[in-house]
C-alpha cells in the first residue's frame, strides 16, 4: 500500500482562466506533482477580483481532476486606476501600470509614480490580506505539509512569510523573475526611498524562506549578491503534451514569428532597420507579432513603412501560440534592454526550442538565453547593435527557404532537458527535503 501524498499549498496570483506566461510554471508543477507524492492545493485570486491582462480558458484542462482550488477576493488598484484614466478596467492592466496602448499623459505619469512609490512590492499587494486569511483557515481545518509561493507578483511571497512565521510551515519561494524585478523597474519612476524599502522587504522576506528557487543561474547569482542567500535553479520549460497537441500553422512567405507581449524594452529595432534598408532583398519576409504590442513599436513600424509586412494578432490561446511557433520560418526572441539582460530568460524560449524551429535572439551574446539557444542547437543571440550579424542570419535562413529546405532548430532529444515533467521532479525533491529537515524525526 503506497504512502499517502503530502499536501502542498501553491500560492499563485496567476491561475486559469488567466492567460500569459505567468500562469504556466505553477500550473505545470500542479499537473505533475501528484505522480511524485504530493497533493497540490491551489490558492489564487477569484476571477471577479483579478487583474489579469489576458484570459485563456483552455489552460484549465491542465488542472488535475479533483485538485482543490481556493479563490479569494482582492482589493484591486487597477479598478481605481481605470476610473482615474477614464478607460475600461481591462485596458488598465499591465506590468506595473505600464499601459501598452496609450501615450503617457499627466494622469498616466501620476499613476505610474503612485505605483512605483506606494504599491510595494507590486500593484497586486491588495490580494495579500485576503490570501493570508484563506491560507490560515485552511491550515487550521485541513493542514498542508508545505507551502510554495510563485512570484511575480512578489507580494505572493509575503503570504508565504506570514505562514512560515505563524505555523512554522516549510516554505519554498519560487521567483520567476528577480526581486526587485529590474526588467521593468527601470521604466517606473521610483524614488530612492521606495527602492530602498522594496530591497529591505525582499531581503527580510526571502531570508525567512526554507529554500529559494529561481529560473536561471544569472538571476540566482545576481540575487545571491544582493541578498547573500543561496538559490536553487529550476529553469522554465515546456510541456511535451502542449507541443504534441498543437499542429503547425500554415503561414505566408518567409514568416518571422514573435509570440507573447512585446514592450518598449524589447522593441526589435535592428530587425526593422535591416528590413527597410533593403526592401527588395527581403521582400518575401512577413513578420507576425502574436500577442500584445506596445503602441510605440507600431509607430516605429509605420515610420519605416513596414506596416504592410508586419501583422499583429491580439493575444491568442496558448495552444494557438504554439501552432504559430511550429509554423514559423524563423522565431524572434528579443530580450529586454536592461542592466541585467544577461540573466533574463523569457519563459517562451523553451517552447521556441521545443518547437523545432530556428531562433533569432536579440540581447546579450553569452548571456543565459544565448547559452540555452546554443546548447540546444536552436540558434543564437545577437547584440542589438549587430546589424551585420542580424542581416547575415536572415540571409542564411532565407536562402535555405528559397531553395525549398528550411533550416531546422533543436531536435526533440536536445530540447528534452527542459521538460516540465523533469523540472517538477526537482520541485518535489526540494519539498521533501525542507519538510524532512523541519521534522528530523520523520521517516519516509
Protein backbone atom coordinates (compact mmCIF):
# COMPACT_ATOMS: atom_id res chain seq x y z
CA UNK A 1 0.00 0.00 0.00
CA UNK A 2 1.52 3.32 -1.08
CA UNK A 3 2.07 6.10 1.45
CA UNK A 4 -0.47 8.96 1.39
CA UNK A 5 0.58 12.02 -0.53
CA UNK A 6 1.90 15.00 1.32
CA UNK A 7 -0.03 18.25 0.76
CA UNK A 8 1.50 21.44 -0.62
CA UNK A 9 -0.26 24.79 -0.83
CA UNK A 10 0.57 26.52 -4.15
CA UNK A 11 0.07 30.26 -3.75
CA UNK A 12 -0.09 31.97 -7.12
CA UNK A 13 -1.88 35.06 -8.42
CA UNK A 14 -1.93 33.75 -11.99
CA UNK A 15 -4.12 30.70 -12.50
CA UNK A 16 -6.60 29.64 -15.20
CA UNK A 17 -8.53 31.30 -16.70
CA UNK A 18 -5.61 33.75 -16.52
CA UNK A 19 -3.52 33.54 -19.66
CA UNK A 20 0.02 34.62 -20.38
CA UNK A 21 3.38 33.27 -19.37
CA UNK A 22 2.98 33.87 -15.63
CA UNK A 23 0.50 31.02 -15.21
CA UNK A 24 2.47 28.28 -16.95
CA UNK A 25 5.15 27.39 -14.40
CA UNK A 26 2.94 26.80 -11.34
CA UNK A 27 0.21 25.20 -13.46
CA UNK A 28 2.64 22.58 -14.76
CA UNK A 29 4.03 21.94 -11.28
CA UNK A 30 0.47 21.26 -10.18
CA UNK A 31 -0.11 18.99 -13.16
CA UNK A 32 2.83 16.68 -12.39
CA UNK A 33 3.21 16.80 -8.57
CA UNK A 34 0.70 14.04 -7.83
CA UNK A 35 2.84 11.45 -9.57
CA UNK A 36 5.71 12.48 -7.28
CA UNK A 37 3.94 12.02 -3.96
CA UNK A 38 2.49 15.50 -3.47
CA UNK A 39 -1.16 16.59 -3.49
CA UNK A 40 -1.37 20.23 -4.59
CA UNK A 41 -3.89 22.68 -3.12
CA UNK A 42 -4.06 25.97 -5.05
CA UNK A 43 -4.70 29.40 -3.52
CA UNK A 44 -5.35 32.13 -6.06
CA UNK A 45 -7.43 35.23 -6.70
CA UNK A 46 -11.04 34.98 -7.85
CA UNK A 47 -11.72 35.92 -11.46
CA UNK A 48 -14.11 38.69 -10.44
CA UNK A 49 -11.36 40.44 -8.46
CA UNK A 50 -8.33 39.54 -10.58
CA UNK A 51 -6.18 41.99 -12.52
CA UNK A 52 -5.12 39.62 -15.29
CA UNK A 53 -4.04 41.18 -18.60
CA UNK A 54 -5.22 38.19 -20.68
CA UNK A 55 -7.53 35.18 -20.43
CA UNK A 56 -7.09 31.64 -21.74
CA UNK A 57 -9.93 29.30 -20.85
CA UNK A 58 -8.16 26.32 -22.46
CA UNK A 59 -5.47 26.21 -19.77
CA UNK A 60 -7.98 24.85 -17.25
CA UNK A 61 -7.72 21.42 -18.87
CA UNK A 62 -4.26 21.05 -17.34
CA UNK A 63 -5.61 21.33 -13.78
CA UNK A 64 -5.77 17.73 -12.48
CA UNK A 65 -9.25 16.47 -11.69
CA UNK A 66 -10.16 16.85 -8.04
CA UNK A 67 -7.47 19.39 -7.16
CA UNK A 68 -8.75 21.89 -4.59
CA UNK A 69 -8.60 25.48 -5.87
CA UNK A 70 -9.35 28.23 -3.34
CA UNK A 71 -10.22 31.61 -4.85
CA UNK A 72 -10.33 34.79 -2.79
CA UNK A 73 -11.33 38.39 -3.06
CA UNK A 74 -8.74 41.09 -3.63
CA UNK A 75 -8.53 44.85 -3.38
CA UNK A 76 -7.56 45.85 -6.89
CA UNK A 77 -5.94 49.26 -7.53
CA UNK A 78 -6.39 48.74 -11.27
CA UNK A 79 -10.13 49.42 -10.98
CA UNK A 80 -9.43 52.80 -9.38
CA UNK A 81 -6.65 53.39 -11.89
CA UNK A 82 -9.03 52.75 -14.81
CA UNK A 83 -11.58 55.20 -13.44
CA UNK A 84 -8.81 57.77 -12.95
CA UNK A 85 -7.75 57.45 -16.58
CA UNK A 86 -11.28 57.12 -17.96
CA UNK A 87 -10.64 53.75 -19.63
CA UNK A 88 -12.03 50.23 -19.28
CA UNK A 89 -10.62 48.21 -16.40
CA UNK A 90 -9.16 45.51 -18.66
CA UNK A 91 -7.31 48.19 -20.65
CA UNK A 92 -5.64 49.47 -17.47
CA UNK A 93 -3.97 46.18 -16.57
CA UNK A 94 -0.30 45.96 -17.39
CA UNK A 95 3.04 45.34 -15.77
CA UNK A 96 3.34 47.88 -13.02
CA UNK A 97 0.71 50.19 -14.55
CA UNK A 98 2.62 50.30 -17.83
CA UNK A 99 -0.06 50.75 -20.45
CA UNK A 100 0.50 49.17 -23.83
CA UNK A 101 -1.91 51.24 -25.90
CA UNK A 102 -1.55 54.79 -24.60
CA UNK A 103 0.98 57.59 -24.87
CA UNK A 104 1.54 58.63 -21.24
CA UNK A 105 -0.21 61.86 -20.32
CA UNK A 106 -0.25 63.70 -16.98
CA UNK A 107 -2.69 61.24 -15.38
CA UNK A 108 -0.69 58.27 -16.59
CA UNK A 109 2.53 59.75 -15.21
CA UNK A 110 0.87 60.40 -11.85
CA UNK A 111 -0.46 56.83 -11.79
CA UNK A 112 2.98 55.41 -12.55
CA UNK A 113 4.50 57.45 -9.73
CA UNK A 114 1.87 56.11 -7.33
CA UNK A 115 2.52 52.54 -8.48
CA UNK A 116 6.29 52.92 -8.13
CA UNK A 117 6.32 54.59 -4.73
CA UNK A 118 3.18 53.45 -2.90
CA UNK A 119 2.28 49.93 -4.05
CA UNK A 120 5.21 47.90 -2.78
CA UNK A 121 6.32 45.40 -3.81
CA UNK A 122 3.76 45.49 -6.63
CA UNK A 123 0.25 46.51 -7.64
CA UNK A 124 -1.22 43.15 -6.52
CA UNK A 125 -0.35 43.73 -2.86
CA UNK A 126 -4.07 44.25 -2.17
CA UNK A 127 -4.52 40.49 -2.56
CA UNK A 128 -2.24 39.65 0.39
CA UNK A 129 -4.68 40.06 3.32
CA UNK A 130 -7.37 38.01 1.59
CA UNK A 131 -4.96 35.26 0.55
CA UNK A 132 -3.43 35.10 4.02
CA UNK A 133 -6.82 34.83 5.72
CA UNK A 134 -7.82 31.95 3.42
CA UNK A 135 -4.49 30.17 3.92
CA UNK A 136 -4.78 30.41 7.70
CA UNK A 137 -8.32 29.00 7.64
CA UNK A 138 -7.09 26.11 5.50
CA UNK A 139 -4.19 25.34 7.81
CA UNK A 140 -6.49 25.22 10.84
CA UNK A 141 -9.03 22.91 9.18
CA UNK A 142 -7.17 20.89 6.52
CA UNK A 143 -3.46 21.36 7.20
CA UNK A 144 -0.83 21.21 4.48
CA UNK A 145 2.75 19.98 4.89
CA UNK A 146 4.47 22.73 2.91
CA UNK A 147 3.92 25.99 1.04
CA UNK A 148 5.14 27.06 -2.41
CA UNK A 149 4.73 30.71 -3.43
CA UNK A 150 5.18 31.90 -7.01
CA UNK A 151 6.14 35.42 -7.96
CA UNK A 152 5.83 37.82 -9.58
CA UNK A 153 3.74 39.29 -8.25
CA UNK A 154 6.27 39.05 -5.46
CA UNK A 155 3.61 40.10 -2.97
CA UNK A 156 2.63 36.39 -3.00
CA UNK A 157 5.82 35.72 -1.03
CA UNK A 158 4.52 37.93 1.78
CA UNK A 159 1.81 35.29 2.34
CA UNK A 160 4.43 32.54 2.50
CA UNK A 161 6.47 34.51 5.01
CA UNK A 162 3.45 35.01 7.28
CA UNK A 163 2.50 31.31 7.14
CA UNK A 164 6.07 30.30 7.97
CA UNK A 165 6.05 32.63 10.98
CA UNK A 166 2.60 31.60 12.23
CA UNK A 167 2.67 27.83 11.66
CA UNK A 168 6.39 27.05 11.12
CA UNK A 169 5.43 25.64 7.72
CA UNK A 170 8.27 24.65 5.39
CA UNK A 171 8.18 27.23 2.60
CA UNK A 172 9.64 27.24 -0.92
CA UNK A 173 9.78 30.70 -2.54
CA UNK A 174 9.80 30.39 -6.34
CA UNK A 175 11.00 33.55 -8.13
CA UNK A 176 10.22 33.55 -11.84
CA UNK A 177 11.95 36.95 -12.06
CA UNK A 178 14.43 38.76 -9.84
CA UNK A 179 13.10 40.77 -6.91
CA UNK A 180 13.20 43.74 -7.30
CA UNK A 181 12.43 42.99 -10.95
CA UNK A 182 14.87 45.13 -12.91
CA UNK A 183 13.28 44.24 -16.24
CA UNK A 184 10.51 46.77 -15.59
CA UNK A 185 11.69 48.79 -12.57
CA UNK A 186 13.78 50.89 -14.96
CA UNK A 187 10.52 52.09 -16.54
CA UNK A 188 8.96 53.12 -13.22
CA UNK A 189 9.68 56.50 -11.56
CA UNK A 190 10.55 55.02 -8.17
CA UNK A 191 12.29 57.29 -5.70
CA UNK A 192 15.33 56.32 -3.65
CA UNK A 193 13.18 55.67 -0.57
CA UNK A 194 10.80 53.34 -2.45
CA UNK A 195 13.70 51.37 -3.93
CA UNK A 196 15.31 51.04 -0.51
CA UNK A 197 12.04 49.92 1.09
CA UNK A 198 11.47 47.27 -1.57
CA UNK A 199 15.03 45.97 -1.24
CA UNK A 200 14.63 45.63 2.54
CA UNK A 201 11.23 43.97 2.09
CA UNK A 202 12.68 41.46 -0.37
CA UNK A 203 15.67 40.74 1.87
CA UNK A 204 13.64 40.10 5.02
CA UNK A 205 11.02 38.07 3.20
CA UNK A 206 13.44 35.80 1.36
CA UNK A 207 15.53 35.27 4.48
CA UNK A 208 12.50 33.60 6.05
CA UNK A 209 12.03 31.05 3.25
CA UNK A 210 13.13 27.46 3.84
CA UNK A 211 14.56 27.42 0.33
CA UNK A 212 14.56 29.80 -2.62
CA UNK A 213 14.30 28.87 -6.30
CA UNK A 214 14.83 30.95 -9.40
CA UNK A 215 14.90 30.28 -13.13
CA UNK A 216 18.48 30.88 -14.27
CA UNK A 217 21.99 30.86 -12.90
CA UNK A 218 22.49 34.53 -13.77
CA UNK A 219 19.39 35.59 -11.85
CA UNK A 220 20.42 33.29 -9.00
CA UNK A 221 23.90 34.83 -8.95
CA UNK A 222 22.53 38.38 -9.06
CA UNK A 223 20.03 37.66 -6.28
CA UNK A 224 22.71 35.95 -4.18
CA UNK A 225 24.95 39.03 -4.43
CA UNK A 226 22.10 41.28 -3.33
CA UNK A 227 20.68 39.15 -0.53
CA UNK A 228 23.65 36.95 0.49
CA UNK A 229 21.35 33.93 0.35
CA UNK A 230 21.63 30.67 -1.66
CA UNK A 231 19.26 29.92 -4.54
CA UNK A 232 18.36 26.68 -6.27
CA UNK A 233 17.90 26.83 -10.06
CA UNK A 234 14.92 25.27 -11.79
CA UNK A 235 14.60 26.76 -15.28
CA UNK A 236 11.34 27.35 -17.03
CA UNK A 237 10.45 24.78 -19.64
CA UNK A 238 7.88 23.27 -21.96
CA UNK A 239 5.18 20.67 -21.52
CA UNK A 240 5.56 17.84 -24.07
CA UNK A 241 1.76 17.43 -24.08
CA UNK A 242 1.34 21.04 -25.26
CA UNK A 243 3.82 20.60 -28.07
CA UNK A 244 2.18 17.38 -29.27
CA UNK A 245 -1.34 18.86 -29.32
CA UNK A 246 -0.53 21.87 -31.49
CA UNK A 247 -0.31 21.34 -35.26
CA UNK A 248 1.98 23.71 -37.23
CA UNK A 249 0.11 26.68 -38.69
CA UNK A 250 0.50 27.44 -42.40
CA UNK A 251 1.93 30.95 -42.67
CA UNK A 252 2.64 33.26 -45.65
CA UNK A 253 6.06 33.86 -47.18
CA UNK A 254 9.16 33.69 -45.07
CA UNK A 255 7.47 34.13 -41.71
CA UNK A 256 9.30 35.59 -38.73
CA UNK A 257 7.14 34.98 -35.66
CA UNK A 258 7.19 36.52 -32.20
CA UNK A 259 4.73 35.29 -29.58
CA UNK A 260 3.86 36.98 -26.29
CA UNK A 261 3.94 40.56 -25.06
CA UNK A 262 6.25 42.96 -26.88
CA UNK A 263 7.03 46.03 -24.79
CA UNK A 264 9.31 49.03 -25.38
CA UNK A 265 12.37 47.37 -23.81
CA UNK A 266 12.07 44.53 -26.35
CA UNK A 267 11.47 46.61 -29.47
CA UNK A 268 13.45 44.75 -32.19
CA UNK A 269 14.56 47.95 -33.91
CA UNK A 270 17.59 46.37 -35.68
CA UNK A 271 15.24 43.95 -37.43
CA UNK A 272 13.08 46.85 -38.63
CA UNK A 273 16.21 48.68 -39.82
CA UNK A 274 17.53 45.69 -41.76
CA UNK A 275 14.17 45.06 -43.43
CA UNK A 276 13.60 48.65 -44.53
CA UNK A 277 17.22 49.23 -45.66
CA UNK A 278 16.92 46.59 -48.43
CA UNK A 279 13.21 46.15 -49.16
CA UNK A 280 13.74 44.23 -52.41
CA UNK A 281 16.17 41.75 -50.86
CA UNK A 282 13.75 41.00 -48.02
CA UNK A 283 10.50 41.38 -49.97
CA UNK A 284 9.33 37.86 -49.03
CA UNK A 285 9.61 38.47 -45.29
CA UNK A 286 6.42 38.66 -43.23
CA UNK A 287 6.68 39.41 -39.51
CA UNK A 288 3.87 38.10 -37.32
CA UNK A 289 3.57 39.57 -33.81
CA UNK A 290 1.27 37.26 -31.88
CA UNK A 291 0.27 38.95 -28.63
CA UNK A 292 0.06 42.40 -27.08
CA UNK A 293 2.29 45.02 -28.69
CA UNK A 294 3.29 48.41 -27.34
CA UNK A 295 1.98 51.46 -29.18
CA UNK A 296 5.49 52.87 -29.64
CA UNK A 297 6.56 49.75 -31.56
CA UNK A 298 3.68 50.29 -34.01
CA UNK A 299 4.89 53.85 -34.50
CA UNK A 300 8.40 52.57 -35.34
CA UNK A 301 6.97 50.11 -37.87
CA UNK A 302 4.88 52.81 -39.57
CA UNK A 303 7.77 55.27 -39.70
CA UNK A 304 9.81 52.67 -41.57
CA UNK A 305 6.93 51.95 -43.99
CA UNK A 306 6.81 48.31 -42.88
CA UNK A 307 3.12 48.29 -41.99
CA UNK A 308 2.13 46.03 -44.89
CA UNK A 309 4.73 43.42 -43.95
CA UNK A 310 4.18 43.29 -40.19
CA UNK A 311 0.97 41.66 -38.98
CA UNK A 312 -0.21 41.71 -35.38
CA UNK A 313 -2.61 39.22 -33.86
CA UNK A 314 -4.05 40.01 -30.44
CA UNK A 315 -3.48 37.59 -27.59
CA UNK A 316 -4.33 34.02 -28.64
CA UNK A 317 -4.78 30.87 -26.52
CA UNK A 318 -1.59 29.06 -25.56
CA UNK A 319 -2.09 26.14 -27.95
CA UNK A 320 -2.63 28.51 -30.87
CA UNK A 321 0.54 30.40 -29.95
CA UNK A 322 2.47 27.12 -30.15
CA UNK A 323 0.91 26.44 -33.56
CA UNK A 324 2.32 29.79 -34.74
CA UNK A 325 5.74 28.83 -33.36
CA UNK A 326 5.74 25.47 -35.13
CA UNK A 327 4.71 27.08 -38.43
CA UNK A 328 7.38 29.81 -38.38
CA UNK A 329 10.30 30.01 -40.78
CA UNK A 330 12.23 31.79 -38.02
CA UNK A 331 11.32 32.68 -34.44
CA UNK A 332 12.16 36.10 -32.98
CA UNK A 333 13.34 36.35 -29.35
CA UNK A 334 14.13 39.91 -28.22
CA UNK A 335 15.45 40.22 -24.65
CA UNK A 336 14.79 43.32 -22.53
CA UNK A 337 17.42 46.01 -22.95
CA UNK A 338 18.12 46.50 -19.24
CA UNK A 339 21.12 46.31 -16.92
CA UNK A 340 20.59 42.64 -16.04
CA UNK A 341 19.83 41.48 -19.60
CA UNK A 342 22.39 38.65 -19.46
CA UNK A 343 20.33 36.85 -16.82
CA UNK A 344 16.93 37.20 -18.47
CA UNK A 345 15.47 34.02 -19.91
CA UNK A 346 11.94 34.58 -21.16
CA UNK A 347 9.57 31.70 -20.46
CA UNK A 348 8.79 31.15 -24.12
CA UNK A 349 12.40 30.37 -25.07
CA UNK A 350 11.93 26.73 -24.06
CA UNK A 351 8.78 26.33 -26.16
CA UNK A 352 10.65 28.02 -29.01
CA UNK A 353 13.36 25.37 -28.59
CA UNK A 354 10.83 22.53 -28.35
CA UNK A 355 9.01 23.72 -31.49
CA UNK A 356 11.94 22.55 -33.62
CA UNK A 357 12.16 25.91 -35.41
CA UNK A 358 15.30 28.09 -35.51
CA UNK A 359 15.52 31.16 -33.28
CA UNK A 360 16.99 34.62 -33.84
CA UNK A 361 17.69 36.17 -30.46
CA UNK A 362 18.40 39.84 -29.71
CA UNK A 363 20.10 40.71 -26.46
CA UNK A 364 23.43 39.96 -24.84
CA UNK A 365 25.63 37.33 -26.52
CA UNK A 366 26.97 34.95 -23.91
CA UNK A 367 24.01 35.53 -21.61
CA UNK A 368 21.64 32.88 -20.29
CA UNK A 369 19.29 32.96 -23.30
CA UNK A 370 22.24 32.67 -25.68
CA UNK A 371 23.52 29.63 -23.76
CA UNK A 372 20.13 27.91 -23.99
CA UNK A 373 19.87 28.52 -27.75
CA UNK A 374 23.42 27.39 -28.46
CA UNK A 375 23.24 24.36 -26.16
CA UNK A 376 20.02 23.17 -27.81
CA UNK A 377 21.12 23.97 -31.34
CA UNK A 378 18.12 26.26 -31.85
CA UNK A 379 20.05 29.41 -32.71
CA UNK A 380 21.94 32.23 -31.03
CA UNK A 381 21.60 35.74 -29.60
CA UNK A 382 22.92 38.79 -31.47
CA UNK A 383 23.62 42.15 -29.87
CA UNK A 384 21.04 44.82 -30.69
CA UNK A 385 23.87 46.81 -32.31
CA UNK A 386 24.98 43.93 -34.57
CA UNK A 387 23.12 44.91 -37.74
CA UNK A 388 25.53 42.94 -39.94
CA UNK A 389 25.16 39.76 -37.89
CA UNK A 390 21.37 40.02 -37.93
CA UNK A 391 21.36 40.66 -41.67
CA UNK A 392 23.63 37.67 -42.30
CA UNK A 393 21.40 35.45 -40.14
CA UNK A 394 18.31 36.47 -42.10
CA UNK A 395 20.03 35.87 -45.44
CA UNK A 396 21.22 32.42 -44.33
CA UNK A 397 17.72 31.32 -43.38
CA UNK A 398 16.07 32.94 -46.40
CA UNK A 399 18.50 31.31 -48.82
CA UNK A 400 17.56 27.89 -47.45
CA UNK A 401 13.86 28.77 -47.62
CA UNK A 402 14.14 29.92 -51.24
CA UNK A 403 15.92 26.66 -52.05
CA UNK A 404 12.94 24.78 -50.57
CA UNK A 405 14.79 23.49 -47.50
CA UNK A 406 14.16 25.36 -44.26
CA UNK A 407 16.90 25.42 -41.65
CA UNK A 408 15.89 23.33 -38.65
CA UNK A 409 16.07 24.16 -34.96
CA UNK A 410 16.63 21.97 -31.91
CA UNK A 411 15.96 18.24 -32.09
CA UNK A 412 13.47 16.62 -29.72
CA UNK A 413 16.34 14.97 -27.83
CA UNK A 414 18.20 18.26 -27.38
CA UNK A 415 15.03 20.00 -26.16
CA UNK A 416 14.13 17.28 -23.63
CA UNK A 417 16.41 18.76 -20.95
CA UNK A 418 13.78 21.45 -20.32
CA UNK A 419 10.70 19.24 -19.92
CA UNK A 420 8.23 20.41 -17.24
CA UNK A 421 7.88 16.82 -16.06
CA UNK A 422 11.52 16.51 -15.07
CA UNK A 423 11.59 20.00 -13.58
CA UNK A 424 8.65 19.17 -11.32
CA UNK A 425 10.71 16.24 -10.06
CA UNK A 426 13.27 18.77 -8.80
CA UNK A 427 10.48 20.70 -7.05
CA UNK A 428 9.25 17.53 -5.33
CA UNK A 429 12.79 16.73 -4.17
CA UNK A 430 13.16 20.20 -2.64
CA UNK A 431 9.77 19.96 -0.94
CA UNK A 432 10.67 16.57 0.55
CA UNK A 433 13.94 17.98 1.79
CA UNK A 434 12.51 21.04 3.54
CA UNK A 435 9.71 19.01 5.14
CA UNK A 436 12.08 16.31 6.36
CA UNK A 437 14.53 18.94 7.57
CA UNK A 438 11.80 20.70 9.55
CA UNK A 439 10.82 17.37 11.17
CA UNK A 440 14.01 15.31 11.65
CA UNK A 441 12.05 12.52 13.40
CA UNK A 442 10.06 11.89 10.18
CA UNK A 443 10.80 8.65 8.33
CA UNK A 444 9.57 8.03 4.82
